[in-house]
C-alpha atoms as a PDB file:
ATOM      1  CA  MET A   1       0.000   0.000   0.000  1.00  0.00           C
ATOM      2  CA  VAL A   2       2.834   2.416   0.849  1.00  0.00           C
ATOM      3  CA  SER A   3       4.490   1.784  -2.504  1.00  0.00           C
ATOM      4  CA  ILE A   4       1.179   2.363  -4.324  1.00  0.00           C
ATOM      5  CA  LEU A   5       0.622   5.660  -2.500  1.00  0.00           C
ATOM      6  CA  ALA A   6       4.198   6.721  -3.218  1.00  0.00           C
ATOM      7  CA  CYS A   7       3.716   5.947  -6.902  1.00  0.00           C
ATOM      8  CA  MET A   8       0.462   7.918  -6.970  1.00  0.00           C
ATOM      9  CA  PHE A   9       2.173  10.870  -5.275  1.00  0.00           C
ATOM     10  CA  PHE A  10       5.047  10.696  -7.759  1.00  0.00           C
ATOM     11  CA  ASN A  11       2.631  10.681 -10.697  1.00  0.00           C
ATOM     12  CA  LEU A  12       0.747  13.661  -9.278  1.00  0.00           C
ATOM     13  CA  LEU A  13       4.036  15.498  -8.795  1.00  0.00           C
ATOM     14  CA  GLN A  14       5.108  14.710 -12.337  1.00  0.00           C
ATOM     15  CA  GLY A  15       1.751  15.934 -13.644  1.00  0.00           C
ATOM     16  CA  ALA A  16       2.108  19.213 -11.753  1.00  0.00           C
ATOM     17  CA  GLU A  17       5.564  19.782 -13.234  1.00  0.00           C
ATOM     18  CA  ALA A  18       4.834  18.521 -16.766  1.00  0.00           C
ATOM     19  CA  HIS A  19       4.772  21.077 -19.551  1.00  0.00           C
ATOM     20  CA  PRO A  20       5.391  21.072 -23.316  1.00  0.00           C
ATOM     21  CA  LEU A  21       9.151  21.645 -22.821  1.00  0.00           C
ATOM     22  CA  SER A  22       9.642  18.778 -20.329  1.00  0.00           C
ATOM     23  CA  ASP A  23      11.819  16.861 -22.793  1.00  0.00           C
ATOM     24  CA  TYR A  24      14.441  19.632 -22.761  1.00  0.00           C
ATOM     25  CA  ASP A  25      16.781  21.082 -20.167  1.00  0.00           C
ATOM     26  CA  PRO A  26      16.660  24.843 -19.756  1.00  0.00           C
ATOM     27  CA  VAL A  27      19.718  26.888 -20.593  1.00  0.00           C
ATOM     28  CA  GLU A  28      18.989  28.841 -17.417  1.00  0.00           C
ATOM     29  CA  TRP A  29      16.166  29.388 -14.959  1.00  0.00           C
ATOM     30  CA  VAL A  30      15.568  31.994 -12.290  1.00  0.00           C
ATOM     31  CA  PRO A  31      12.874  32.317  -9.617  1.00  0.00           C
ATOM     32  CA  TYR A  32      10.382  35.125  -9.883  1.00  0.00           C
ATOM     33  CA  ARG A  33       7.781  36.781  -7.716  1.00  0.00           C
ATOM     34  CA  LEU A  34       4.785  38.942  -8.535  1.00  0.00           C
ATOM     35  CA  ASP A  35       5.464  42.436  -7.244  1.00  0.00           C
ATOM     36  CA  TYR A  36       4.930  46.160  -7.849  1.00  0.00           C
ATOM     37  CA  GLN A  37       1.776  46.253 -10.029  1.00  0.00           C
ATOM     38  CA  GLY A  38       1.524  42.456 -10.230  1.00  0.00           C
ATOM     39  CA  TRP A  39       4.472  42.121 -12.599  1.00  0.00           C
ATOM     40  CA  ILE A  40       6.896  39.220 -12.973  1.00  0.00           C
ATOM     41  CA  THR A  41       9.933  40.407 -10.997  1.00  0.00           C
ATOM     42  CA  VAL A  42      13.379  38.790 -11.156  1.00  0.00           C
ATOM     43  CA  ASN A  43      16.826  39.525  -9.749  1.00  0.00           C
ATOM     44  CA  ALA A  44      19.305  41.049 -12.196  1.00  0.00           C
ATOM     45  CA  SER A  45      22.763  42.566 -11.906  1.00  0.00           C
ATOM     46  CA  VAL A  46      24.153  45.539 -13.796  1.00  0.00           C
ATOM     47  CA  ASN A  47      27.904  45.583 -14.367  1.00  0.00           C
ATOM     48  CA  ASP A  48      28.184  42.901 -11.666  1.00  0.00           C
ATOM     49  CA  ASP A  49      26.318  45.056  -9.134  1.00  0.00           C
ATOM     50  CA  GLY A  50      23.135  43.629  -7.656  1.00  0.00           C
ATOM     51  CA  PRO A  51      20.791  41.993  -7.172  1.00  0.00           C
ATOM     52  CA  HIS A  52      18.265  44.513  -8.456  1.00  0.00           C
ATOM     53  CA  ASP A  53      14.547  44.122  -9.110  1.00  0.00           C
ATOM     54  CA  PHE A  54      13.826  43.975 -12.839  1.00  0.00           C
ATOM     55  CA  ILE A  55      10.305  43.457 -14.168  1.00  0.00           C
ATOM     56  CA  VAL A  56       9.805  41.210 -17.191  1.00  0.00           C
ATOM     57  CA  ASP A  57       7.988  43.191 -19.865  1.00  0.00           C
ATOM     58  CA  SER A  58       7.074  41.575 -23.192  1.00  0.00           C
ATOM     59  CA  GLY A  59       5.633  44.942 -24.213  1.00  0.00           C
ATOM     60  CA  ALA A  60       9.085  46.555 -23.987  1.00  0.00           C
ATOM     61  CA  THR A  61      11.384  46.115 -26.976  1.00  0.00           C
ATOM     62  CA  ILE A  62      14.522  47.173 -25.088  1.00  0.00           C
ATOM     63  CA  THR A  63      15.994  46.336 -21.688  1.00  0.00           C
ATOM     64  CA  SER A  64      16.480  49.486 -19.606  1.00  0.00           C
ATOM     65  CA  VAL A  65      17.023  50.772 -16.063  1.00  0.00           C
ATOM     66  CA  PHE A  66      15.262  53.215 -13.769  1.00  0.00           C
ATOM     67  CA  ALA A  67      16.849  56.396 -12.439  1.00  0.00           C
ATOM     68  CA  ASN A  68      17.214  54.992  -8.916  1.00  0.00           C
ATOM     69  CA  LEU A  69      19.634  52.346 -10.225  1.00  0.00           C
ATOM     70  CA  ALA A  70      21.453  54.812 -12.482  1.00  0.00           C
ATOM     71  CA  GLU A  71      22.389  56.915  -9.427  1.00  0.00           C
ATOM     72  CA  GLY A  72      24.824  54.181  -8.370  1.00  0.00           C
ATOM     73  CA  GLN A  73      26.348  53.698 -11.816  1.00  0.00           C
ATOM     74  CA  ASP A  74      28.377  55.819 -14.222  1.00  0.00           C
ATOM     75  CA  PHE A  75      26.405  55.379 -17.432  1.00  0.00           C
ATOM     76  CA  GLN A  76      27.751  57.353 -20.385  1.00  0.00           C
ATOM     77  CA  PRO A  77      25.662  58.745 -23.261  1.00  0.00           C
ATOM     78  CA  ALA A  78      25.571  56.494 -26.329  1.00  0.00           C
ATOM     79  CA  ASN A  79      26.615  57.724 -29.734  1.00  0.00           C
ATOM     80  CA  ARG A  80      23.126  57.517 -31.213  1.00  0.00           C
ATOM     81  CA  GLY A  81      19.841  59.365 -31.204  1.00  0.00           C
ATOM     82  CA  PRO A  82      17.096  59.115 -28.556  1.00  0.00           C
ATOM     83  CA  ILE A  83      15.106  55.908 -28.178  1.00  0.00           C
ATOM     84  CA  ARG A  84      11.313  56.115 -28.259  1.00  0.00           C
ATOM     85  CA  ILE A  85       9.650  54.304 -25.363  1.00  0.00           C
ATOM     86  CA  LEU A  86       5.951  53.571 -25.640  1.00  0.00           C
ATOM     87  CA  GLY A  87       3.762  53.766 -22.533  1.00  0.00           C
ATOM     88  CA  LEU A  88       0.029  53.314 -22.144  1.00  0.00           C
ATOM     89  CA  ALA A  89      -0.774  56.958 -21.511  1.00  0.00           C
ATOM     90  CA  SER A  90       2.230  58.526 -23.217  1.00  0.00           C
ATOM     91  CA  ALA A  91       5.268  57.964 -25.439  1.00  0.00           C
ATOM     92  CA  LYS A  92       8.629  59.606 -24.851  1.00  0.00           C
ATOM     93  CA  ALA A  93      11.949  59.801 -26.670  1.00  0.00           C
ATOM     94  CA  LEU A  94      14.668  59.295 -24.074  1.00  0.00           C
ATOM     95  CA  PRO A  95      18.445  59.703 -24.421  1.00  0.00           C
ATOM     96  CA  ALA A  96      20.355  56.493 -25.105  1.00  0.00           C
ATOM     97  CA  TYR A  97      22.985  55.373 -22.596  1.00  0.00           C
ATOM     98  CA  LEU A  98      25.706  52.738 -22.553  1.00  0.00           C
ATOM     99  CA  LEU A  99      24.424  50.527 -19.749  1.00  0.00           C
ATOM    100  CA  GLY A 100      27.133  47.869 -20.046  1.00  0.00           C
ATOM    101  CA  LYS A 101      26.473  44.319 -18.851  1.00  0.00           C
ATOM    102  CA  ILE A 102      23.032  43.274 -17.637  1.00  0.00           C
ATOM    103  CA  SER A 103      22.785  39.744 -16.240  1.00  0.00           C
ATOM    104  CA  VAL A 104      19.814  37.561 -15.342  1.00  0.00           C
ATOM    105  CA  GLY A 105      21.273  34.416 -13.861  1.00  0.00           C
ATOM    106  CA  ARG A 106      23.867  33.300 -16.422  1.00  0.00           C
ATOM    107  CA  LEU A 107      22.161  35.151 -19.277  1.00  0.00           C
ATOM    108  CA  LYS A 108      23.849  38.390 -20.278  1.00  0.00           C
ATOM    109  CA  LEU A 109      23.411  41.420 -22.446  1.00  0.00           C
ATOM    110  CA  GLU A 110      26.937  42.685 -23.102  1.00  0.00           C
ATOM    111  CA  ASN A 111      27.802  46.280 -24.023  1.00  0.00           C
ATOM    112  CA  HIS A 112      24.112  47.020 -23.897  1.00  0.00           C
ATOM    113  CA  THR A 113      22.564  50.324 -24.932  1.00  0.00           C
ATOM    114  CA  GLY A 114      19.260  51.322 -23.332  1.00  0.00           C
ATOM    115  CA  VAL A 115      17.545  54.228 -21.628  1.00  0.00           C
ATOM    116  CA  ILE A 116      17.173  55.517 -18.092  1.00  0.00           C
ATOM    117  CA  LEU A 117      13.499  55.563 -17.183  1.00  0.00           C
ATOM    118  CA  PRO A 118      12.343  58.274 -14.762  1.00  0.00           C
ATOM    119  CA  ASP A 119      11.434  57.092 -11.269  1.00  0.00           C
ATOM    120  CA  TRP A 120       7.802  57.151 -10.220  1.00  0.00           C
ATOM    121  CA  ALA A 121       6.501  59.799  -7.874  1.00  0.00           C
ATOM    122  CA  PRO A 122       5.792  58.805  -4.235  1.00  0.00           C
ATOM    123  CA  PRO A 123       4.009  56.880  -2.890  1.00  0.00           C
ATOM    124  CA  ASN A 124       4.588  54.593  -5.894  1.00  0.00           C
ATOM    125  CA  THR A 125       7.864  52.683  -5.668  1.00  0.00           C
ATOM    126  CA  PRO A 126       9.530  51.748  -8.965  1.00  0.00           C
ATOM    127  CA  PRO A 127      11.651  48.668  -9.620  1.00  0.00           C
ATOM    128  CA  GLN A 128      15.239  49.116 -10.755  1.00  0.00           C
ATOM    129  CA  GLY A 129      14.903  47.980 -14.352  1.00  0.00           C
ATOM    130  CA  VAL A 130      12.967  46.303 -17.146  1.00  0.00           C
ATOM    131  CA  ILE A 131      13.842  43.095 -18.999  1.00  0.00           C
ATOM    132  CA  GLY A 132      12.617  43.537 -22.566  1.00  0.00           C
ATOM    133  CA  LEU A 133      12.192  41.511 -25.719  1.00  0.00           C
ATOM    134  CA  ASP A 134      15.786  42.103 -26.792  1.00  0.00           C
ATOM    135  CA  LEU A 135      16.780  39.502 -24.178  1.00  0.00           C
ATOM    136  CA  LEU A 136      13.622  37.381 -24.129  1.00  0.00           C
ATOM    137  CA  THR A 137      13.537  36.673 -27.879  1.00  0.00           C
ATOM    138  CA  ARG A 138      16.960  35.037 -27.763  1.00  0.00           C
ATOM    139  CA  HIS A 139      15.303  32.007 -26.177  1.00  0.00           C
ATOM    140  CA  THR A 140      12.147  29.951 -25.931  1.00  0.00           C
ATOM    141  CA  VAL A 141      10.736  31.156 -22.614  1.00  0.00           C
ATOM    142  CA  LEU A 142       8.577  29.261 -20.107  1.00  0.00           C
ATOM    143  CA  VAL A 143       6.874  31.116 -17.277  1.00  0.00           C
ATOM    144  CA  ASP A 144       6.064  28.365 -14.775  1.00  0.00           C
ATOM    145  CA  ALA A 145       3.295  29.730 -12.550  1.00  0.00           C
ATOM    146  CA  ASP A 146       3.221  26.615 -10.352  1.00  0.00           C
ATOM    147  CA  ARG A 147       6.873  26.810  -9.341  1.00  0.00           C
ATOM    148  CA  ARG A 148       7.293  30.566  -9.902  1.00  0.00           C
ATOM    149  CA  ARG A 149      10.202  29.978 -12.254  1.00  0.00           C
ATOM    150  CA  LEU A 150      11.244  31.772 -15.423  1.00  0.00           C
ATOM    151  CA  GLU A 151      12.932  29.152 -17.623  1.00  0.00           C
ATOM    152  CA  PHE A 152      14.994  29.903 -20.723  1.00  0.00           C
ATOM    153  CA  TYR A 153      15.476  27.235 -23.405  1.00  0.00           C
ATOM    154  CA  SER A 154      17.322  27.147 -26.680  1.00  0.00           C
ATOM    155  CA  ARG A 155      15.291  28.601 -29.535  1.00  0.00           C
ATOM    156  CA  SER A 156      15.647  25.212 -31.217  1.00  0.00           C
ATOM    157  CA  ALA A 157      13.626  23.569 -28.412  1.00  0.00           C
ATOM    158  CA  LYS A 158      10.219  22.695 -29.851  1.00  0.00           C
ATOM    159  CA  PRO A 159       7.357  22.461 -27.334  1.00  0.00           C
ATOM    160  CA  ASP A 160       5.212  19.311 -27.477  1.00  0.00           C
ATOM    161  CA  ARG A 161       1.662  20.491 -28.159  1.00  0.00           C
ATOM    162  CA  ARG A 162       0.133  17.226 -26.928  1.00  0.00           C
ATOM    163  CA  HIS A 163       0.513  17.954 -23.214  1.00  0.00           C
ATOM    164  CA  SER A 164      -2.810  17.645 -21.412  1.00  0.00           C
ATOM    165  CA  GLY A 165      -4.446  20.917 -20.454  1.00  0.00           C
ATOM    166  CA  TRP A 166      -2.192  23.062 -22.645  1.00  0.00           C
ATOM    167  CA  SER A 167      -3.390  24.949 -25.699  1.00  0.00           C
ATOM    168  CA  ARG A 168      -1.495  26.580 -28.560  1.00  0.00           C
ATOM    169  CA  THR A 169      -2.112  29.610 -30.725  1.00  0.00           C
ATOM    170  CA  ALA A 170      -0.250  31.681 -33.306  1.00  0.00           C
ATOM    171  CA  LEU A 171       2.292  34.214 -32.037  1.00  0.00           C
ATOM    172  CA  ARG A 172       2.667  36.924 -34.665  1.00  0.00           C
ATOM    173  CA  PRO A 173       5.541  39.438 -34.753  1.00  0.00           C
ATOM    174  CA  LEU A 174       4.418  43.050 -35.058  1.00  0.00           C
ATOM    175  CA  HIS A 175       7.124  45.384 -36.342  1.00  0.00           C
ATOM    176  CA  ILE A 176       7.159  49.009 -35.246  1.00  0.00           C
ATOM    177  CA  ALA A 177       8.967  51.860 -36.915  1.00  0.00           C
ATOM    178  CA  ASP A 178      12.229  52.796 -35.135  1.00  0.00           C
ATOM    179  CA  GLN A 179      12.165  49.662 -32.931  1.00  0.00           C
ATOM    180  CA  ASP A 180      14.792  46.956 -33.513  1.00  0.00           C
ATOM    181  CA  THR A 181      12.739  44.153 -31.933  1.00  0.00           C
ATOM    182  CA  PRO A 182       9.112  43.454 -32.850  1.00  0.00           C
ATOM    183  CA  LEU A 183       6.264  43.128 -30.386  1.00  0.00           C
ATOM    184  CA  HIS A 184       4.177  39.938 -30.554  1.00  0.00           C
ATOM    185  CA  THR A 185       0.436  39.450 -30.822  1.00  0.00           C
ATOM    186  CA  VAL A 186      -2.144  36.738 -30.276  1.00  0.00           C
ATOM    187  CA  ASN A 187      -5.836  36.801 -31.103  1.00  0.00           C
ATOM    188  CA  ILE A 188      -8.383  37.070 -28.297  1.00  0.00           C
ATOM    189  CA  ARG A 189     -11.802  35.786 -29.351  1.00  0.00           C
ATOM    190  CA  ILE A 190     -14.919  37.399 -27.902  1.00  0.00           C
ATOM    191  CA  ARG A 191     -18.417  36.658 -29.219  1.00  0.00           C
ATOM    192  CA  GLY A 192     -16.983  35.298 -32.464  1.00  0.00           C
ATOM    193  CA  LEU A 193     -14.724  38.302 -33.079  1.00  0.00           C
ATOM    194  CA  ASP A 194     -10.951  37.770 -33.178  1.00  0.00           C
ATOM    195  CA  ILE A 195      -9.161  40.818 -31.783  1.00  0.00           C
ATOM    196  CA  PRO A 196      -5.368  41.077 -32.208  1.00  0.00           C
ATOM    197  CA  CYS A 197      -3.669  41.790 -28.891  1.00  0.00           C
ATOM    198  CA  VAL A 198      -0.070  42.561 -28.007  1.00  0.00           C
ATOM    199  CA  LEU A 199       1.194  40.212 -25.290  1.00  0.00           C
ATOM    200  CA  ASP A 200       2.230  42.818 -22.740  1.00  0.00           C
ATOM    201  CA  LEU A 201       3.401  41.404 -19.404  1.00  0.00           C
ATOM    202  CA  GLY A 202       4.230  44.973 -18.389  1.00  0.00           C
ATOM    203  CA  ALA A 203       0.520  45.831 -18.380  1.00  0.00           C
ATOM    204  CA  SER A 204      -0.996  44.778 -15.063  1.00  0.00           C
ATOM    205  CA  GLY A 205      -4.456  44.729 -16.675  1.00  0.00           C
ATOM    206  CA  THR A 206      -5.852  43.792 -20.085  1.00  0.00           C
ATOM    207  CA  ILE A 207      -6.733  46.887 -22.120  1.00  0.00           C
ATOM    208  CA  PHE A 208      -9.037  47.138 -25.147  1.00  0.00           C
ATOM    209  CA  ASN A 209      -9.432  50.203 -27.321  1.00  0.00           C
ATOM    210  CA  ARG A 210     -12.800  51.898 -27.744  1.00  0.00           C
ATOM    211  CA  GLU A 211     -13.182  50.532 -31.264  1.00  0.00           C
ATOM    212  CA  ALA A 212     -13.220  47.018 -29.804  1.00  0.00           C
ATOM    213  CA  LEU A 213     -15.845  48.078 -27.258  1.00  0.00           C
ATOM    214  CA  GLN A 214     -18.073  49.519 -29.970  1.00  0.00           C
ATOM    215  CA  GLN A 215     -18.012  46.284 -31.971  1.00  0.00           C
ATOM    216  CA  LEU A 216     -18.683  44.195 -28.865  1.00  0.00           C
ATOM    217  CA  GLN A 217     -21.155  46.538 -27.161  1.00  0.00           C
ATOM    218  CA  GLY A 218     -24.064  44.116 -27.361  1.00  0.00           C
ATOM    219  CA  GLY A 219     -22.358  41.596 -25.071  1.00  0.00           C
ATOM    220  CA  LEU A 220     -20.811  43.944 -22.540  1.00  0.00           C
ATOM    221  CA  TYR A 221     -21.873  46.254 -19.777  1.00  0.00           C
ATOM    222  CA  ILE A 222     -20.095  49.090 -18.039  1.00  0.00           C
ATOM    223  CA  ASN A 223     -18.962  47.821 -14.651  1.00  0.00           C
ATOM    224  CA  SER A 224     -19.623  50.638 -12.205  1.00  0.00           C
ATOM    225  CA  PHE A 225     -19.208  48.480  -9.118  1.00  0.00           C
ATOM    226  CA  GLY A 226     -17.599  45.020  -8.894  1.00  0.00           C
ATOM    227  CA  ARG A 227     -14.179  46.458  -9.784  1.00  0.00           C
ATOM    228  CA  ARG A 228     -10.983  45.513  -8.063  1.00  0.00           C
ATOM    229  CA  SER A 229     -11.163  48.957  -6.489  1.00  0.00           C
ATOM    230  CA  SER A 230     -12.883  52.229  -7.280  1.00  0.00           C
ATOM    231  CA  THR A 231      -9.571  53.970  -7.934  1.00  0.00           C
ATOM    232  CA  THR A 232      -7.382  51.474  -9.779  1.00  0.00           C
ATOM    233  CA  ALA A 233      -9.959  49.952 -12.107  1.00  0.00           C
ATOM    234  CA  SER A 234     -10.920  53.314 -13.590  1.00  0.00           C
ATOM    235  CA  ARG A 235      -7.376  54.603 -14.140  1.00  0.00           C
ATOM    236  CA  VAL A 236      -4.294  53.356 -15.953  1.00  0.00           C
ATOM    237  CA  ASN A 237      -0.657  53.983 -15.045  1.00  0.00           C
ATOM    238  CA  ASP A 238       2.154  53.389 -17.504  1.00  0.00           C
ATOM    239  CA  ILE A 239       5.894  52.825 -17.250  1.00  0.00           C
ATOM    240  CA  PHE A 240       6.376  56.587 -16.836  1.00  0.00           C
ATOM    241  CA  ASP A 241       3.841  56.649 -13.956  1.00  0.00           C
ATOM    242  CA  ASP A 242       1.586  58.843 -16.109  1.00  0.00           C
ATOM    243  CA  SER A 243      -2.057  58.295 -15.214  1.00  0.00           C
ATOM    244  CA  ASP A 244      -5.296  58.695 -17.138  1.00  0.00           C
ATOM    245  CA  THR A 245      -8.948  57.772 -16.772  1.00  0.00           C
ATOM    246  CA  ALA A 246     -10.380  54.581 -18.261  1.00  0.00           C
ATOM    247  CA  VAL A 247     -13.543  52.471 -18.144  1.00  0.00           C
ATOM    248  CA  ALA A 248     -13.886  49.062 -16.460  1.00  0.00           C
ATOM    249  CA  VAL A 249     -15.900  46.492 -18.443  1.00  0.00           C
ATOM    250  CA  ASN A 250     -16.969  42.946 -17.620  1.00  0.00           C
ATOM    251  CA  MET A 251     -16.607  40.324 -20.358  1.00  0.00           C
ATOM    252  CA  SER A 252     -18.548  37.144 -19.815  1.00  0.00           C
ATOM    253  CA  ARG A 253     -16.025  35.022 -21.745  1.00  0.00           C
ATOM    254  CA  LEU A 254     -12.838  35.459 -23.748  1.00  0.00           C
ATOM    255  CA  LYS A 255     -10.524  32.906 -25.331  1.00  0.00           C
ATOM    256  CA  ILE A 256      -6.933  32.675 -26.508  1.00  0.00           C
ATOM    257  CA  GLY A 257      -6.587  29.493 -28.518  1.00  0.00           C
ATOM    258  CA  GLY A 258      -8.236  26.819 -26.389  1.00  0.00           C
ATOM    259  CA  ALA A 259      -7.765  28.695 -23.081  1.00  0.00           C
ATOM    260  CA  THR A 260     -10.887  30.349 -21.659  1.00  0.00           C
ATOM    261  CA  TRP A 261     -11.470  33.101 -19.089  1.00  0.00           C
ATOM    262  CA  ARG A 262     -14.936  33.860 -17.702  1.00  0.00           C
ATOM    263  CA  ASN A 263     -16.371  37.021 -16.126  1.00  0.00           C
ATOM    264  CA  LYS A 264     -13.165  38.928 -16.730  1.00  0.00           C
ATOM    265  CA  VAL A 265     -12.939  42.632 -15.875  1.00  0.00           C
ATOM    266  CA  VAL A 266     -10.862  44.518 -18.445  1.00  0.00           C
ATOM    267  CA  ILE A 267     -10.104  48.168 -19.144  1.00  0.00           C
ATOM    268  CA  VAL A 268     -11.273  50.159 -22.155  1.00  0.00           C
ATOM    269  CA  TYR A 269      -8.830  52.939 -22.992  1.00  0.00           C
ATOM    270  CA  ASP A 270      -7.349  54.436 -26.156  1.00  0.00           C
ATOM    271  CA  ALA A 271      -3.718  53.921 -25.181  1.00  0.00           C
ATOM    272  CA  GLU A 272      -0.885  55.817 -26.825  1.00  0.00           C
ATOM    273  CA  ILE A 273       0.577  52.548 -28.045  1.00  0.00           C
ATOM    274  CA  PHE A 274      -2.528  51.866 -30.169  1.00  0.00           C
ATOM    275  CA  GLU A 275      -1.857  55.052 -32.129  1.00  0.00           C
ATOM    276  CA  ALA A 276       1.809  54.116 -32.532  1.00  0.00           C
ATOM    277  CA  LEU A 277       0.763  50.711 -33.909  1.00  0.00           C
ATOM    278  CA  ASN A 278      -1.749  52.285 -36.321  1.00  0.00           C
ATOM    279  CA  ALA A 279      -4.430  50.314 -34.494  1.00  0.00           C
ATOM    280  CA  SER A 280      -6.580  53.096 -33.043  1.00  0.00           C
ATOM    281  CA  SER A 281      -9.264  52.763 -35.733  1.00  0.00           C
ATOM    282  CA  LYS A 282      -9.719  48.975 -35.500  1.00  0.00           C
ATOM    283  CA  PRO A 283     -10.360  46.583 -32.604  1.00  0.00           C
ATOM    284  CA  PHE A 284      -7.096  46.015 -30.744  1.00  0.00           C
ATOM    285  CA  CYS A 285      -5.884  45.263 -27.234  1.00  0.00           C
ATOM    286  CA  LEU A 286      -3.020  44.639 -24.850  1.00  0.00           C
ATOM    287  CA  ALA A 287      -3.218  41.220 -23.183  1.00  0.00           C
ATOM    288  CA  GLY A 288      -1.874  41.983 -19.718  1.00  0.00           C
ATOM    289  CA  MET A 289      -0.378  40.039 -16.852  1.00  0.00           C
ATOM    290  CA  ASP A 290      -3.777  39.713 -15.144  1.00  0.00           C
ATOM    291  CA  LEU A 291      -4.641  36.918 -17.621  1.00  0.00           C
ATOM    292  CA  PHE A 292      -1.576  34.863 -16.712  1.00  0.00           C
ATOM    293  CA  THR A 293      -1.032  35.285 -12.970  1.00  0.00           C
ATOM    294  CA  GLU A 294      -2.146  31.703 -12.280  1.00  0.00           C
ATOM    295  CA  ARG A 295      -1.367  30.139 -15.669  1.00  0.00           C
ATOM    296  CA  SER A 296       1.932  28.876 -17.022  1.00  0.00           C
ATOM    297  CA  PHE A 297       2.750  29.893 -20.586  1.00  0.00           C
ATOM    298  CA  ILE A 298       5.461  29.602 -23.228  1.00  0.00           C
ATOM    299  CA  PHE A 299       6.811  32.051 -25.781  1.00  0.00           C
ATOM    300  CA  ASP A 300       8.026  29.969 -28.755  1.00  0.00           C
ATOM    301  CA  PHE A 301       9.506  32.825 -30.778  1.00  0.00           C
ATOM    302  CA  GLU A 302      11.309  30.537 -33.240  1.00  0.00           C
ATOM    303  CA  ASN A 303       8.133  28.780 -34.419  1.00  0.00           C
ATOM    304  CA  GLU A 304       5.819  31.737 -33.723  1.00  0.00           C
ATOM    305  CA  ARG A 305       3.621  29.872 -31.269  1.00  0.00           C
ATOM    306  CA  PHE A 306       2.271  30.773 -27.825  1.00  0.00           C
ATOM    307  CA  TYR A 307       1.339  27.997 -25.376  1.00  0.00           C
ATOM    308  CA  ILE A 308      -1.029  28.438 -22.431  1.00  0.00           C
ATOM    309  CA  GLY A 309      -1.318  26.046 -19.517  1.00  0.00           C
ATOM    310  CA  PRO A 310      -4.445  25.114 -17.570  1.00  0.00           C
ATOM    311  CA  SER A 311      -6.009  27.576 -15.158  1.00  0.00           C
ATOM    312  CA  GLY A 312      -4.514  27.708 -11.667  1.00  0.00           C
ATOM    313  CA  ARG A 313      -5.465  25.033  -9.204  1.00  0.00           C
END
């Protein structure tokens, strides 16, 4: 009986840890926690100084630091023009700096050029930096929500789509003028309408533009109560800590591939990034971290696929 119970426990443990990349060993993995505005937060070092809190932002094309970290470094201006950084409520061209070496575990960006983001005003406390797509897209990336691990695999690692409870959908690169690394989109389906959405782990909430709301109006209602709070659900804050008003809306069901969310509160707001993507006049959205807090997922950049695990237990 003991051996049977042990076997059952082992099988349950294996099931909890199984994912479409189980046949491969990661190149590196690091623990993460959810912090600040609910973002994936990892330890990173800058020029061998650290650890520092860096948020993982798949809506950022470039890895950068905040001013509070820059105070302890001697970053020199780069010999290039300003770099445009897109936020939800604003976009700003910031001077480029030679940031040097940025390390996450054994992964490194060497001789890296980025920007220094302004710190947020009190009482908001900023992290020290942002890990962007310039590092993430070098690998196939698993965010393991069960074990709170960020795992990096070779881009040649091909996830097995047959894993129980996991679904797969297309991951489409979206190129932006003056950005070296593309953003990536998936389709969110609501009431039979497929809406392209940038996967933006730096957005704590999921944000639809007003054009999407107009096309979906028949199945939605303005959520005046039932919000996460009366102050945060009706406002958005971006990477620059700029704030603007928005509308909270309840969606009875939305899907990405075979993954389903029910009774999901999202934000409707014409974000600056929609204009930059020439998407302000058509249904568009940012799929934020709120969709994935309790779900594991995989960025397969090489094969342009996005994998989503089962909902949290």
